[in-house]
Protein backbone atom coordinates (compact mmCIF):
# COMPACT_ATOMS: atom_id res chain seq x y z
CA UNK A 1 0.00 0.00 0.00
CA UNK A 2 1.40 3.36 -1.06
CA UNK A 3 1.18 6.36 1.16
CA UNK A 4 -0.09 9.37 -0.77
CA UNK A 5 1.11 12.73 0.35
CA UNK A 6 -1.16 15.71 -0.22
CA UNK A 7 -0.15 18.05 -3.01
CA UNK A 8 1.56 21.19 -1.88
CA UNK A 9 0.13 24.48 -2.92
CA UNK A 10 2.74 26.50 -4.67
CA UNK A 11 3.56 30.00 -3.56
CA UNK A 12 2.73 31.26 -7.04
CA UNK A 13 -0.91 30.22 -6.65
CA UNK A 14 -1.18 31.97 -3.31
CA UNK A 15 0.51 35.06 -4.70
CA UNK A 16 -1.89 35.14 -7.67
CA UNK A 17 -4.84 34.79 -5.30
CA UNK A 18 -3.54 37.64 -3.14
CA UNK A 19 -2.97 39.87 -6.17
CA UNK A 20 -6.50 39.16 -7.42
CA UNK A 21 -7.99 39.89 -3.98
CA UNK A 22 -6.08 43.18 -3.62
CA UNK A 23 -7.01 44.28 -7.15
CA UNK A 24 -10.71 43.59 -6.56
CA UNK A 25 -10.57 45.43 -3.23
CA UNK A 26 -8.85 48.38 -4.91
CA UNK A 27 -11.56 48.52 -7.58
CA UNK A 28 -14.32 48.50 -4.97
CA UNK A 29 -12.99 51.40 -2.84
CA UNK A 30 -15.06 54.14 -4.52
CA UNK A 31 -18.24 52.07 -4.07
CA UNK A 32 -17.40 51.35 -0.44
CA UNK A 33 -16.65 55.03 0.17
CA UNK A 34 -20.01 56.09 -1.26
CA UNK A 35 -21.83 53.42 0.73
CA UNK A 36 -20.25 54.44 4.04
CA UNK A 37 -20.86 58.17 3.50
CA UNK A 38 -24.50 57.67 2.48
CA UNK A 39 -25.08 55.20 5.32
CA UNK A 40 -23.55 57.70 7.75
CA UNK A 41 -25.83 60.49 6.57
CA UNK A 42 -28.89 58.23 6.77
CA UNK A 43 -27.87 57.04 10.23
CA UNK A 44 -27.40 60.66 11.32
CA UNK A 45 -30.90 61.48 10.07
CA UNK A 46 -32.19 58.55 12.15
CA UNK A 47 -30.22 59.91 15.15
CA UNK A 48 -28.31 56.70 15.86
CA UNK A 49 -25.46 58.53 17.58
CA UNK A 50 -21.99 56.99 17.45
CA UNK A 51 -22.95 54.56 14.67
CA UNK A 52 -23.55 57.42 12.23
CA UNK A 53 -20.25 59.03 13.20
CA UNK A 54 -18.39 55.78 12.62
CA UNK A 55 -19.95 55.19 9.19
CA UNK A 56 -19.38 58.77 8.01
CA UNK A 57 -15.78 58.95 9.24
CA UNK A 58 -15.02 55.58 7.63
CA UNK A 59 -16.30 56.99 4.32
CA UNK A 60 -14.13 60.06 4.75
CA UNK A 61 -11.07 57.92 5.50
CA UNK A 62 -11.69 55.91 2.35
CA UNK A 63 -11.97 59.20 0.42
CA UNK A 64 -8.65 60.31 1.89
CA UNK A 65 -7.07 56.97 0.90
CA UNK A 66 -8.31 57.38 -2.68
CA UNK A 67 -7.03 60.95 -2.84
CA UNK A 68 -3.66 59.99 -1.35
CA UNK A 69 -3.18 57.12 -3.80
CA UNK A 70 -4.01 59.44 -6.71
CA UNK A 71 -1.62 62.11 -5.40
CA UNK A 72 1.14 59.55 -4.78
CA UNK A 73 0.87 58.07 -8.27
CA UNK A 74 0.88 61.51 -9.90
CA UNK A 75 3.97 62.48 -7.91
CA UNK A 76 5.75 59.28 -9.00
CA UNK A 77 5.00 59.75 -12.72
CA UNK A 78 6.29 63.34 -12.89
C-alpha atoms as a PDB file:
ATOM      1  CA  UNK A   1       0.000   0.000   0.000  1.00  0.00           C
ATOM      2  CA  UNK A   2       1.400   3.363  -1.055  1.00  0.00           C
ATOM      3  CA  UNK A   3       1.184   6.359   1.164  1.00  0.00           C
ATOM      4  CA  UNK A   4      -0.093   9.368  -0.770  1.00  0.00           C
ATOM      5  CA  UNK A   5       1.112  12.731   0.347  1.00  0.00           C
ATOM      6  CA  UNK A   6      -1.161  15.715  -0.221  1.00  0.00           C
ATOM      7  CA  UNK A   7      -0.154  18.048  -3.012  1.00  0.00           C
ATOM      8  CA  UNK A   8       1.561  21.186  -1.875  1.00  0.00           C
ATOM      9  CA  UNK A   9       0.131  24.484  -2.924  1.00  0.00           C
ATOM     10  CA  UNK A  10       2.737  26.500  -4.671  1.00  0.00           C
ATOM     11  CA  UNK A  11       3.560  30.000  -3.560  1.00  0.00           C
ATOM     12  CA  UNK A  12       2.733  31.261  -7.042  1.00  0.00           C
ATOM     13  CA  UNK A  13      -0.908  30.222  -6.648  1.00  0.00           C
ATOM     14  CA  UNK A  14      -1.178  31.971  -3.307  1.00  0.00           C
ATOM     15  CA  UNK A  15       0.505  35.059  -4.703  1.00  0.00           C
ATOM     16  CA  UNK A  16      -1.887  35.137  -7.670  1.00  0.00           C
ATOM     17  CA  UNK A  17      -4.836  34.795  -5.301  1.00  0.00           C
ATOM     18  CA  UNK A  18      -3.542  37.638  -3.142  1.00  0.00           C
ATOM     19  CA  UNK A  19      -2.972  39.875  -6.175  1.00  0.00           C
ATOM     20  CA  UNK A  20      -6.496  39.155  -7.416  1.00  0.00           C
ATOM     21  CA  UNK A  21      -7.990  39.895  -3.978  1.00  0.00           C
ATOM     22  CA  UNK A  22      -6.084  43.179  -3.618  1.00  0.00           C
ATOM     23  CA  UNK A  23      -7.014  44.277  -7.146  1.00  0.00           C
ATOM     24  CA  UNK A  24     -10.706  43.589  -6.562  1.00  0.00           C
ATOM     25  CA  UNK A  25     -10.567  45.433  -3.227  1.00  0.00           C
ATOM     26  CA  UNK A  26      -8.849  48.376  -4.913  1.00  0.00           C
ATOM     27  CA  UNK A  27     -11.561  48.525  -7.584  1.00  0.00           C
ATOM     28  CA  UNK A  28     -14.324  48.496  -4.969  1.00  0.00           C
ATOM     29  CA  UNK A  29     -12.987  51.396  -2.842  1.00  0.00           C
ATOM     30  CA  UNK A  30     -15.061  54.138  -4.525  1.00  0.00           C
ATOM     31  CA  UNK A  31     -18.237  52.075  -4.071  1.00  0.00           C
ATOM     32  CA  UNK A  32     -17.404  51.352  -0.435  1.00  0.00           C
ATOM     33  CA  UNK A  33     -16.648  55.032   0.169  1.00  0.00           C
ATOM     34  CA  UNK A  34     -20.006  56.092  -1.261  1.00  0.00           C
ATOM     35  CA  UNK A  35     -21.831  53.419   0.730  1.00  0.00           C
ATOM     36  CA  UNK A  36     -20.254  54.445   4.036  1.00  0.00           C
ATOM     37  CA  UNK A  37     -20.856  58.173   3.502  1.00  0.00           C
ATOM     38  CA  UNK A  38     -24.498  57.675   2.482  1.00  0.00           C
ATOM     39  CA  UNK A  39     -25.077  55.196   5.317  1.00  0.00           C
ATOM     40  CA  UNK A  40     -23.547  57.696   7.746  1.00  0.00           C
ATOM     41  CA  UNK A  41     -25.831  60.488   6.566  1.00  0.00           C
ATOM     42  CA  UNK A  42     -28.893  58.231   6.768  1.00  0.00           C
ATOM     43  CA  UNK A  43     -27.868  57.040  10.227  1.00  0.00           C
ATOM     44  CA  UNK A  44     -27.397  60.662  11.320  1.00  0.00           C
ATOM     45  CA  UNK A  45     -30.902  61.483  10.071  1.00  0.00           C
ATOM     46  CA  UNK A  46     -32.193  58.551  12.153  1.00  0.00           C
ATOM     47  CA  UNK A  47     -30.219  59.913  15.154  1.00  0.00           C
ATOM     48  CA  UNK A  48     -28.308  56.702  15.861  1.00  0.00           C
ATOM     49  CA  UNK A  49     -25.461  58.535  17.579  1.00  0.00           C
ATOM     50  CA  UNK A  50     -21.987  56.991  17.450  1.00  0.00           C
ATOM     51  CA  UNK A  51     -22.946  54.564  14.672  1.00  0.00           C
ATOM     52  CA  UNK A  52     -23.552  57.420  12.229  1.00  0.00           C
ATOM     53  CA  UNK A  53     -20.251  59.029  13.199  1.00  0.00           C
ATOM     54  CA  UNK A  54     -18.389  55.776  12.624  1.00  0.00           C
ATOM     55  CA  UNK A  55     -19.951  55.194   9.194  1.00  0.00           C
ATOM     56  CA  UNK A  56     -19.383  58.765   8.012  1.00  0.00           C
ATOM     57  CA  UNK A  57     -15.776  58.953   9.244  1.00  0.00           C
ATOM     58  CA  UNK A  58     -15.024  55.585   7.628  1.00  0.00           C
ATOM     59  CA  UNK A  59     -16.301  56.985   4.322  1.00  0.00           C
ATOM     60  CA  UNK A  60     -14.132  60.064   4.753  1.00  0.00           C
ATOM     61  CA  UNK A  61     -11.072  57.923   5.504  1.00  0.00           C
ATOM     62  CA  UNK A  62     -11.690  55.913   2.348  1.00  0.00           C
ATOM     63  CA  UNK A  63     -11.972  59.197   0.418  1.00  0.00           C
ATOM     64  CA  UNK A  64      -8.655  60.305   1.893  1.00  0.00           C
ATOM     65  CA  UNK A  65      -7.075  56.968   0.904  1.00  0.00           C
ATOM     66  CA  UNK A  66      -8.309  57.379  -2.677  1.00  0.00           C
ATOM     67  CA  UNK A  67      -7.029  60.951  -2.841  1.00  0.00           C
ATOM     68  CA  UNK A  68      -3.660  59.988  -1.351  1.00  0.00           C
ATOM     69  CA  UNK A  69      -3.183  57.125  -3.800  1.00  0.00           C
ATOM     70  CA  UNK A  70      -4.007  59.440  -6.710  1.00  0.00           C
ATOM     71  CA  UNK A  71      -1.618  62.108  -5.404  1.00  0.00           C
ATOM     72  CA  UNK A  72       1.144  59.554  -4.778  1.00  0.00           C
ATOM     73  CA  UNK A  73       0.873  58.072  -8.271  1.00  0.00           C
ATOM     74  CA  UNK A  74       0.879  61.513  -9.897  1.00  0.00           C
ATOM     75  CA  UNK A  75       3.969  62.478  -7.906  1.00  0.00           C
ATOM     76  CA  UNK A  76       5.755  59.280  -9.004  1.00  0.00           C
ATOM     77  CA  UNK A  77       5.005  59.753 -12.717  1.00  0.00           C
ATOM     78  CA  UNK A  78       6.290  63.336 -12.888  1.00  0.00           C
END
